N, C-alpha and C. Protein backbone atom coordinates (compact mmCIF):
# COMPACT_ATOMS: atom_id res chain seq x y z
N MET A 1 18.21 7.53 -4.48
CA MET A 1 18.09 6.62 -4.00
C MET A 1 19.11 6.60 -3.06
N LYS A 2 20.26 6.88 -3.66
CA LYS A 2 21.93 6.90 -3.16
C LYS A 2 21.57 7.92 -1.54
N LYS A 3 20.92 8.89 -1.55
CA LYS A 3 21.11 9.53 -0.74
C LYS A 3 20.30 9.12 0.37
N ILE A 4 19.44 8.17 -0.06
CA ILE A 4 18.23 7.81 0.85
C ILE A 4 18.95 6.28 1.80
N ARG A 5 20.10 5.76 1.07
CA ARG A 5 20.66 4.71 1.32
C ARG A 5 22.09 5.23 2.26
N LYS A 6 22.44 5.97 1.95
CA LYS A 6 23.59 6.79 2.78
C LYS A 6 23.54 7.49 3.73
N ALA A 7 22.07 8.31 3.84
CA ALA A 7 20.95 8.89 5.48
C ALA A 7 21.24 8.09 6.55
N LEU A 8 21.27 8.70 7.63
CA LEU A 8 21.35 7.76 8.88
C LEU A 8 20.03 8.16 9.22
N TRP A 9 18.71 7.41 8.61
CA TRP A 9 17.65 8.67 9.02
C TRP A 9 17.07 6.67 10.06
N ASP A 10 16.10 7.01 10.91
CA ASP A 10 15.59 5.66 10.97
C ASP A 10 14.63 5.42 10.54
N VAL A 11 14.19 6.20 9.69
CA VAL A 11 12.63 5.80 9.03
C VAL A 11 12.07 6.64 8.14
N VAL A 12 12.48 5.91 6.62
CA VAL A 12 12.05 7.04 5.77
C VAL A 12 10.52 6.37 4.72
N ILE A 13 10.04 7.69 4.62
CA ILE A 13 8.76 7.16 4.11
C ILE A 13 8.75 7.49 2.56
N VAL A 14 7.93 6.59 1.88
CA VAL A 14 8.39 6.60 -0.22
C VAL A 14 6.71 6.41 0.22
N ASP A 15 6.29 7.44 -0.46
CA ASP A 15 4.87 7.49 -1.12
C ASP A 15 5.06 7.52 -2.33
N THR A 16 4.56 6.55 -3.16
CA THR A 16 4.05 6.30 -4.65
C THR A 16 2.88 6.96 -4.94
N ALA A 17 2.39 7.10 -6.19
CA ALA A 17 1.19 7.57 -7.20
C ALA A 17 0.24 6.36 -6.40
N GLY A 18 -0.92 7.36 -6.17
CA GLY A 18 -2.03 5.88 -5.90
C GLY A 18 -3.09 5.78 -7.08
N ARG A 19 -3.67 4.72 -6.84
CA ARG A 19 -4.06 4.52 -7.93
C ARG A 19 -5.46 3.30 -7.79
N MET A 20 -6.61 3.02 -7.98
CA MET A 20 -7.70 3.04 -7.68
C MET A 20 -8.08 1.60 -8.63
N HIS A 21 -6.81 1.35 -9.74
CA HIS A 21 -6.90 0.35 -11.00
C HIS A 21 -5.67 -0.42 -10.87
N ILE A 22 -5.28 -1.18 -11.17
CA ILE A 22 -4.27 -1.77 -11.65
C ILE A 22 -3.48 -1.65 -12.56
N ASP A 23 -2.13 -0.57 -12.42
CA ASP A 23 -1.56 0.27 -13.39
C ASP A 23 -0.23 -0.87 -13.83
N GLU A 24 -0.04 -1.48 -15.25
CA GLU A 24 1.23 -2.34 -14.88
C GLU A 24 2.26 -1.56 -15.41
N GLU A 25 2.63 -0.29 -15.76
CA GLU A 25 3.72 0.30 -15.49
C GLU A 25 4.14 0.77 -14.23
N MET A 26 3.00 1.46 -13.79
CA MET A 26 3.31 1.86 -11.71
C MET A 26 3.88 0.49 -11.56
N MET A 27 2.85 -0.83 -11.15
CA MET A 27 3.05 -1.74 -10.84
C MET A 27 4.67 -1.61 -11.02
N ARG A 28 5.46 -1.87 -11.99
CA ARG A 28 6.75 -2.43 -12.26
C ARG A 28 7.78 -1.20 -11.64
N GLU A 29 6.84 -0.02 -11.50
CA GLU A 29 8.00 1.47 -10.84
C GLU A 29 8.08 0.79 -9.45
N VAL A 30 6.64 0.52 -8.84
CA VAL A 30 6.97 0.16 -7.43
C VAL A 30 7.52 -0.53 -7.02
N LYS A 31 7.79 -2.11 -7.39
CA LYS A 31 8.23 -2.82 -7.33
C LYS A 31 9.49 -3.09 -7.75
N LYS A 32 10.05 -1.51 -9.18
CA LYS A 32 11.99 -1.33 -8.78
C LYS A 32 12.21 -0.59 -7.73
N ILE A 33 11.27 0.66 -6.75
CA ILE A 33 11.12 0.92 -6.16
C ILE A 33 12.35 0.12 -4.45
N LYS A 34 10.98 -0.44 -4.77
CA LYS A 34 10.97 -2.09 -3.12
C LYS A 34 12.68 -2.94 -3.82
N GLU A 35 12.92 -3.26 -5.02
CA GLU A 35 13.97 -3.55 -5.24
C GLU A 35 15.26 -2.76 -4.75
N ALA A 36 15.39 -1.78 -4.94
CA ALA A 36 16.43 -0.86 -4.89
C ALA A 36 16.76 -0.22 -3.63
N LEU A 37 15.29 -0.10 -2.43
CA LEU A 37 15.28 0.67 -1.35
C LEU A 37 15.66 -0.63 -0.39
N LYS A 38 14.92 -2.16 -0.83
CA LYS A 38 15.19 -3.14 0.53
C LYS A 38 14.25 -2.50 1.25
N PRO A 39 13.27 -2.49 1.55
CA PRO A 39 12.78 -1.48 3.01
C PRO A 39 12.17 -2.72 3.73
N HIS A 40 12.40 -2.41 4.83
CA HIS A 40 11.96 -3.43 6.27
C HIS A 40 11.32 -3.65 6.23
N GLU A 41 9.80 -2.34 6.11
CA GLU A 41 8.61 -2.73 6.10
C GLU A 41 7.46 -1.85 4.51
N ILE A 42 6.58 -2.56 4.16
CA ILE A 42 6.21 -2.33 3.35
C ILE A 42 4.41 -2.23 3.97
N LEU A 43 3.83 -0.51 3.75
CA LEU A 43 2.64 -0.44 4.57
C LEU A 43 1.60 -0.50 3.24
N PHE A 44 0.55 -0.78 3.13
CA PHE A 44 -0.39 -0.40 2.02
C PHE A 44 -1.71 0.59 2.50
N VAL A 45 -1.44 1.29 2.31
CA VAL A 45 -2.39 3.05 2.50
C VAL A 45 -3.67 2.97 1.56
N VAL A 46 -4.85 2.78 2.13
CA VAL A 46 -6.28 3.06 0.75
C VAL A 46 -7.31 3.92 1.82
N ASP A 47 -7.69 4.36 1.04
CA ASP A 47 -9.09 5.09 1.53
C ASP A 47 -9.91 4.30 1.50
N SER A 48 -10.92 4.11 2.93
CA SER A 48 -11.45 2.68 2.78
C SER A 48 -12.86 3.65 1.67
N MET A 49 -12.99 4.95 1.84
CA MET A 49 -14.34 5.23 1.33
C MET A 49 -14.34 4.28 -0.38
N THR A 50 -13.00 3.71 -0.64
CA THR A 50 -13.39 3.33 -2.21
C THR A 50 -14.28 1.79 -1.90
N GLY A 51 -14.17 1.34 -1.29
CA GLY A 51 -15.34 0.04 -1.00
C GLY A 51 -14.18 -0.92 -1.41
N GLN A 52 -15.12 -1.83 -1.98
CA GLN A 52 -14.45 -3.35 -1.97
C GLN A 52 -13.75 -2.85 -3.17
N GLU A 53 -13.29 -2.49 -3.95
CA GLU A 53 -11.90 -2.35 -5.05
C GLU A 53 -10.75 -1.91 -4.52
N ALA A 54 -10.78 -1.63 -3.09
CA ALA A 54 -9.90 -1.24 -2.30
C ALA A 54 -9.29 -2.56 -2.02
N VAL A 55 -10.41 -3.48 -1.25
CA VAL A 55 -9.67 -4.60 -1.35
C VAL A 55 -8.98 -5.14 -2.19
N ASN A 56 -9.58 -5.64 -3.51
CA ASN A 56 -9.14 -6.57 -4.91
C ASN A 56 -7.87 -5.24 -5.00
N VAL A 57 -7.39 -4.57 -5.58
CA VAL A 57 -5.98 -3.43 -5.61
C VAL A 57 -5.10 -4.00 -4.36
N ALA A 58 -5.70 -3.95 -3.17
CA ALA A 58 -5.04 -4.75 -1.99
C ALA A 58 -4.22 -6.38 -2.62
N LYS A 59 -4.71 -7.03 -2.88
CA LYS A 59 -4.73 -8.06 -3.10
C LYS A 59 -3.70 -8.44 -3.95
N GLU A 60 -3.88 -7.41 -5.03
CA GLU A 60 -2.91 -7.45 -6.29
C GLU A 60 -1.64 -6.77 -6.10
N PHE A 61 -1.48 -5.76 -5.17
CA PHE A 61 0.11 -5.46 -4.31
C PHE A 61 0.30 -6.28 -3.37
N ASN A 62 -0.30 -6.68 -2.83
CA ASN A 62 0.37 -7.73 -1.55
C ASN A 62 0.72 -9.20 -2.83
N ASP A 63 0.80 -9.50 -3.72
CA ASP A 63 0.70 -10.18 -4.39
C ASP A 63 2.31 -9.74 -5.44
N ARG A 64 2.45 -9.04 -5.72
CA ARG A 64 3.18 -8.63 -5.90
C ARG A 64 4.57 -8.01 -5.24
N LEU A 65 3.85 -6.98 -3.98
CA LEU A 65 4.99 -6.97 -3.11
C LEU A 65 5.18 -7.54 -1.87
N ASN A 66 4.19 -8.19 -1.26
CA ASN A 66 4.29 -8.34 -0.17
C ASN A 66 4.38 -7.94 0.93
N PHE A 67 3.16 -7.01 1.13
CA PHE A 67 3.39 -5.57 1.90
C PHE A 67 2.95 -6.41 3.60
N ASP A 68 3.62 -5.61 4.10
CA ASP A 68 3.85 -5.81 5.94
C ASP A 68 1.84 -5.85 6.88
N GLY A 69 1.26 -4.66 6.32
CA GLY A 69 0.64 -3.94 6.81
C GLY A 69 -0.80 -3.30 5.80
N VAL A 70 -1.68 -3.35 6.44
CA VAL A 70 -2.35 -1.92 5.30
C VAL A 70 -3.21 -0.85 6.55
N VAL A 71 -3.02 0.41 6.09
CA VAL A 71 -3.94 1.15 6.56
C VAL A 71 -5.19 2.11 5.66
N LEU A 72 -6.04 1.72 6.86
CA LEU A 72 -7.37 2.33 5.93
C LEU A 72 -7.75 3.91 6.69
N THR A 73 -7.65 4.91 5.74
CA THR A 73 -7.87 6.54 5.95
C THR A 73 -9.30 6.33 5.79
N LYS A 74 -9.88 7.31 6.61
CA LYS A 74 -11.61 8.17 6.50
C LYS A 74 -12.21 6.96 6.67
N LEU A 75 -11.91 6.35 8.11
CA LEU A 75 -12.78 5.46 8.35
C LEU A 75 -13.95 6.30 9.15
N ASP A 76 -13.70 7.36 9.79
CA ASP A 76 -14.51 7.29 10.13
C ASP A 76 -16.23 8.76 9.22
N GLY A 77 -15.80 8.28 7.76
CA GLY A 77 -16.68 9.60 7.03
C GLY A 77 -18.02 8.36 6.84
N ASP A 78 -19.39 8.69 6.71
CA ASP A 78 -20.33 8.43 6.27
C ASP A 78 -20.72 8.05 4.51
N ALA A 79 -19.67 7.61 4.09
CA ALA A 79 -19.67 6.60 2.76
C ALA A 79 -20.64 5.37 3.10
N HIS A 80 -22.48 5.72 2.68
CA HIS A 80 -23.28 4.99 2.94
C HIS A 80 -23.39 3.44 1.39
N GLN A 81 -23.06 4.04 0.61
CA GLN A 81 -22.95 3.40 -1.07
C GLN A 81 -22.23 1.98 -0.70
N GLN A 82 -21.58 1.85 -0.52
CA GLN A 82 -20.69 1.22 -0.52
C GLN A 82 -19.54 0.64 1.06
N GLN A 83 -19.33 -0.99 0.94
CA GLN A 83 -19.19 -1.14 2.50
C GLN A 83 -18.05 -2.08 1.84
N LEU A 84 -16.77 -2.25 3.05
CA LEU A 84 -15.76 -3.03 2.59
C LEU A 84 -16.07 -3.89 3.22
N LYS A 85 -15.59 -5.46 2.50
CA LYS A 85 -15.63 -6.49 3.21
C LYS A 85 -14.78 -7.44 3.11
N VAL A 86 -13.92 -7.84 4.56
CA VAL A 86 -12.94 -7.86 4.20
C VAL A 86 -12.63 -9.40 5.39
N ASP A 87 -11.50 -10.13 4.85
CA ASP A 87 -11.47 -11.59 6.80
C ASP A 87 -10.51 -10.67 7.22
N ALA A 88 -10.43 -10.70 8.31
CA ALA A 88 -9.51 -9.67 9.27
C ALA A 88 -8.87 -11.28 9.93
N PHE A 89 -7.45 -10.55 9.44
CA PHE A 89 -6.50 -12.05 10.16
C PHE A 89 -5.39 -11.15 10.97
N LEU A 90 -4.61 -11.55 11.69
CA LEU A 90 -4.15 -11.43 12.62
C LEU A 90 -2.70 -12.39 12.60
N TYR A 91 -1.52 -11.82 13.00
CA TYR A 91 -0.17 -12.83 13.02
C TYR A 91 0.66 -12.05 13.80
N ALA A 92 0.74 -13.33 14.93
CA ALA A 92 1.26 -13.08 16.06
C ALA A 92 2.70 -13.17 15.86
């Protein structure tokens, strides 16, 4: 963390361990990372083929971390067994 803060990089991407359920220990770790780095922006990245559970996990992460946006991966997939139901909203 010290090296990241001292570096003159324009962008730093921190990838944390992914989960499809809420793990309290992991959430504490991610919150500590946020407090240490004080990021300008937090993006939640999720596999869209996860289905509705991705929405539930995103809500929990947002409640704890207050992220700025979501990146859905694998949107071109062919998983018919689950559909993602989300309310779309835009901020101007």
